[in-house]
Amino acid sequence: MDNELPKINCTTTVTIKNTKTNYIYADEAEKDADIANPNTSTTAADIAQDIKVEISPKGMEVLKRIMNQANDKPKS
């Protein structure tokens, strides 16, 4: 099928951080426990989540090819 998207291997890194204290949580469970802890003032609004996606050079070439094909199509 021509409409299937190719699979591109990548590595994702998620960082969960308390914006008030700059503390970086080990995982979602630690963040949830901090929010639920009545002894801290942490709320969900204090949490930021950053996601870093790393794509191999081969994957970037595939992505460039797809983007170029999309740009080459006539606009309707």
N, C-alpha and C. Protein backbone atom coordinates (compact mmCIF):
# COMPACT_ATOMS: atom_id res chain seq x y z
N MET A 1 0.83 -1.19 0.00
CA MET A 1 0.00 0.00 0.00
C MET A 1 0.87 1.25 0.00
N ASP A 2 0.53 2.21 -0.82
CA ASP A 2 1.29 3.45 -0.89
C ASP A 2 1.02 4.38 0.27
N ASN A 3 -0.12 4.22 0.94
CA ASN A 3 -0.49 5.15 2.01
C ASN A 3 0.06 4.76 3.37
N GLU A 4 0.77 3.62 3.45
CA GLU A 4 1.33 3.22 4.74
C GLU A 4 2.54 4.07 5.07
N LEU A 5 2.62 4.50 6.30
CA LEU A 5 3.76 5.28 6.76
C LEU A 5 4.91 4.34 7.10
N PRO A 6 6.11 4.71 6.72
CA PRO A 6 7.25 3.87 7.08
C PRO A 6 7.53 3.97 8.58
N LYS A 7 8.05 2.90 9.14
CA LYS A 7 8.42 2.91 10.55
C LYS A 7 9.84 3.46 10.66
N ILE A 8 10.02 4.43 11.53
CA ILE A 8 11.32 5.03 11.75
C ILE A 8 11.70 4.76 13.20
N ASN A 9 12.80 4.05 13.40
CA ASN A 9 13.26 3.77 14.75
C ASN A 9 13.79 5.04 15.38
N CYS A 10 13.40 5.24 16.63
CA CYS A 10 13.87 6.41 17.35
C CYS A 10 13.94 6.09 18.84
N THR A 11 14.59 6.96 19.56
CA THR A 11 14.69 6.84 21.01
C THR A 11 14.01 8.06 21.62
N THR A 12 13.11 7.82 22.56
CA THR A 12 12.44 8.94 23.22
C THR A 12 12.84 8.96 24.69
N THR A 13 13.05 10.16 25.20
CA THR A 13 13.38 10.36 26.60
C THR A 13 12.37 11.35 27.18
N VAL A 14 11.70 10.92 28.24
CA VAL A 14 10.71 11.78 28.89
C VAL A 14 11.30 12.28 30.21
N THR A 15 11.26 13.58 30.41
CA THR A 15 11.72 14.19 31.65
C THR A 15 10.53 14.87 32.31
N ILE A 16 10.26 14.49 33.55
CA ILE A 16 9.16 15.08 34.32
C ILE A 16 9.77 15.93 35.42
N LYS A 17 9.42 17.22 35.43
CA LYS A 17 10.09 18.17 36.33
C LYS A 17 9.07 19.02 37.08
N ASN A 18 9.37 19.28 38.34
CA ASN A 18 8.60 20.21 39.14
C ASN A 18 9.14 21.61 38.85
N THR A 19 8.32 22.47 38.30
CA THR A 19 8.80 23.80 37.89
C THR A 19 9.07 24.73 39.07
N LYS A 20 8.50 24.44 40.23
CA LYS A 20 8.76 25.28 41.40
C LYS A 20 10.08 24.91 42.07
N THR A 21 10.36 23.62 42.14
CA THR A 21 11.55 23.15 42.88
C THR A 21 12.67 22.70 41.95
N ASN A 22 12.39 22.58 40.67
CA ASN A 22 13.33 22.05 39.66
C ASN A 22 13.70 20.59 39.90
N TYR A 23 12.94 19.90 40.73
CA TYR A 23 13.18 18.48 40.99
C TYR A 23 12.76 17.67 39.76
N ILE A 24 13.60 16.72 39.37
CA ILE A 24 13.27 15.83 38.25
C ILE A 24 12.86 14.49 38.83
N TYR A 25 11.64 14.07 38.49
CA TYR A 25 11.09 12.82 38.99
C TYR A 25 11.65 11.63 38.22
N ALA A 26 11.76 10.51 38.90
CA ALA A 26 12.26 9.28 38.27
C ALA A 26 11.23 8.71 37.30
N ASP A 27 9.94 8.89 37.64
CA ASP A 27 8.89 8.33 36.80
C ASP A 27 7.54 8.95 37.14
N GLU A 28 6.52 8.53 36.42
CA GLU A 28 5.15 9.06 36.64
C GLU A 28 4.66 8.77 38.06
N ALA A 29 4.99 7.59 38.58
CA ALA A 29 4.52 7.21 39.91
C ALA A 29 5.06 8.16 40.98
N GLU A 30 6.32 8.53 40.86
CA GLU A 30 6.91 9.47 41.84
C GLU A 30 6.23 10.84 41.74
N LYS A 31 5.98 11.29 40.51
CA LYS A 31 5.28 12.57 40.31
C LYS A 31 3.89 12.52 40.92
N ASP A 32 3.15 11.44 40.63
CA ASP A 32 1.79 11.30 41.16
C ASP A 32 1.78 11.27 42.69
N ALA A 33 2.77 10.59 43.27
CA ALA A 33 2.85 10.52 44.73
C ALA A 33 3.12 11.90 45.33
N ASP A 34 3.96 12.69 44.67
CA ASP A 34 4.26 14.04 45.16
C ASP A 34 3.01 14.92 45.10
N ILE A 35 2.26 14.82 44.02
CA ILE A 35 1.03 15.62 43.89
C ILE A 35 0.02 15.20 44.95
N ALA A 36 -0.09 13.87 45.20
CA ALA A 36 -1.06 13.36 46.17
C ALA A 36 -0.64 13.58 47.62
N ASN A 37 0.64 13.85 47.86
CA ASN A 37 1.16 14.01 49.21
C ASN A 37 0.64 15.30 49.84
N PRO A 38 -0.12 15.20 50.92
CA PRO A 38 -0.65 16.41 51.57
C PRO A 38 0.44 17.25 52.25
N ASN A 39 1.62 16.69 52.42
CA ASN A 39 2.73 17.41 53.07
C ASN A 39 3.53 18.27 52.10
N THR A 40 3.17 18.25 50.81
CA THR A 40 3.83 19.11 49.82
C THR A 40 2.78 20.01 49.19
N SER A 41 3.23 21.12 48.65
CA SER A 41 2.30 22.04 47.99
C SER A 41 2.22 21.78 46.49
N THR A 42 2.82 20.69 46.03
CA THR A 42 2.87 20.38 44.60
C THR A 42 1.48 20.10 44.05
N THR A 43 1.18 20.76 42.92
CA THR A 43 -0.07 20.49 42.20
C THR A 43 0.29 20.09 40.77
N ALA A 44 -0.67 19.61 40.03
CA ALA A 44 -0.44 19.22 38.63
C ALA A 44 0.05 20.41 37.80
N ALA A 45 -0.36 21.61 38.18
CA ALA A 45 0.06 22.82 37.45
C ALA A 45 1.56 23.10 37.62
N ASP A 46 2.18 22.50 38.62
CA ASP A 46 3.60 22.71 38.88
C ASP A 46 4.49 21.77 38.06
N ILE A 47 3.90 20.88 37.30
CA ILE A 47 4.64 19.84 36.61
C ILE A 47 4.80 20.17 35.12
N ALA A 48 6.02 19.99 34.63
CA ALA A 48 6.30 20.14 33.20
C ALA A 48 6.86 18.81 32.70
N GLN A 49 6.49 18.46 31.50
CA GLN A 49 6.99 17.22 30.90
C GLN A 49 7.64 17.55 29.58
N ASP A 50 8.90 17.16 29.43
CA ASP A 50 9.63 17.38 28.19
C ASP A 50 9.86 16.02 27.53
N ILE A 51 9.70 15.99 26.21
CA ILE A 51 9.94 14.76 25.47
C ILE A 51 10.99 15.05 24.41
N LYS A 52 12.07 14.27 24.46
CA LYS A 52 13.15 14.40 23.48
C LYS A 52 13.11 13.17 22.58
N VAL A 53 13.06 13.39 21.27
CA VAL A 53 13.03 12.29 20.31
C VAL A 53 14.32 12.33 19.51
N GLU A 54 15.06 11.23 19.54
CA GLU A 54 16.31 11.14 18.79
C GLU A 54 16.10 10.16 17.62
N ILE A 55 16.37 10.64 16.42
CA ILE A 55 16.19 9.83 15.22
C ILE A 55 17.56 9.60 14.59
N SER A 56 17.80 8.37 14.15
CA SER A 56 19.08 8.03 13.54
C SER A 56 19.23 8.77 12.20
N PRO A 57 20.45 8.90 11.71
CA PRO A 57 20.64 9.53 10.40
C PRO A 57 19.84 8.83 9.29
N LYS A 58 19.76 7.50 9.36
CA LYS A 58 18.97 6.76 8.36
C LYS A 58 17.49 7.14 8.46
N GLY A 59 17.00 7.25 9.67
CA GLY A 59 15.61 7.65 9.88
C GLY A 59 15.35 9.06 9.38
N MET A 60 16.33 9.95 9.57
CA MET A 60 16.17 11.33 9.08
C MET A 60 16.10 11.36 7.56
N GLU A 61 16.87 10.51 6.91
CA GLU A 61 16.82 10.45 5.44
C GLU A 61 15.45 10.01 4.97
N VAL A 62 14.87 9.02 5.64
CA VAL A 62 13.52 8.55 5.30
C VAL A 62 12.52 9.69 5.49
N LEU A 63 12.63 10.39 6.60
CA LEU A 63 11.73 11.50 6.89
C LEU A 63 11.87 12.62 5.86
N LYS A 64 13.10 12.95 5.47
CA LYS A 64 13.32 13.98 4.44
C LYS A 64 12.67 13.58 3.12
N ARG A 65 12.84 12.29 2.76
CA ARG A 65 12.26 11.81 1.51
C ARG A 65 10.72 11.96 1.52
N ILE A 66 10.12 11.60 2.64
CA ILE A 66 8.66 11.71 2.76
C ILE A 66 8.23 13.17 2.68
N MET A 67 8.94 14.05 3.37
CA MET A 67 8.59 15.47 3.36
C MET A 67 8.76 16.06 1.95
N ASN A 68 9.80 15.67 1.25
CA ASN A 68 10.01 16.16 -0.12
C ASN A 68 8.91 15.68 -1.07
N GLN A 69 8.48 14.44 -0.88
CA GLN A 69 7.39 13.91 -1.70
C GLN A 69 6.12 14.71 -1.45
N ALA A 70 5.85 15.04 -0.19
CA ALA A 70 4.65 15.81 0.15
C ALA A 70 4.73 17.21 -0.46
N ASN A 71 5.92 17.80 -0.49
CA ASN A 71 6.09 19.14 -1.04
C ASN A 71 6.00 19.14 -2.57
N ASP A 72 6.33 18.00 -3.19
CA ASP A 72 6.30 17.92 -4.64
C ASP A 72 4.90 17.72 -5.22
N LYS A 73 3.96 17.30 -4.34
CA LYS A 73 2.60 17.08 -4.83
C LYS A 73 1.94 18.41 -5.17
N PRO A 74 1.15 18.42 -6.28
CA PRO A 74 0.46 19.67 -6.62
C PRO A 74 -0.57 20.04 -5.56
N LYS A 75 -0.68 21.30 -5.31
CA LYS A 75 -1.64 21.80 -4.33
C LYS A 75 -3.01 21.93 -5.00
N SER A 76 -4.05 21.51 -4.30
CA SER A 76 -5.39 21.59 -4.91
C SER A 76 -6.11 22.86 -4.57
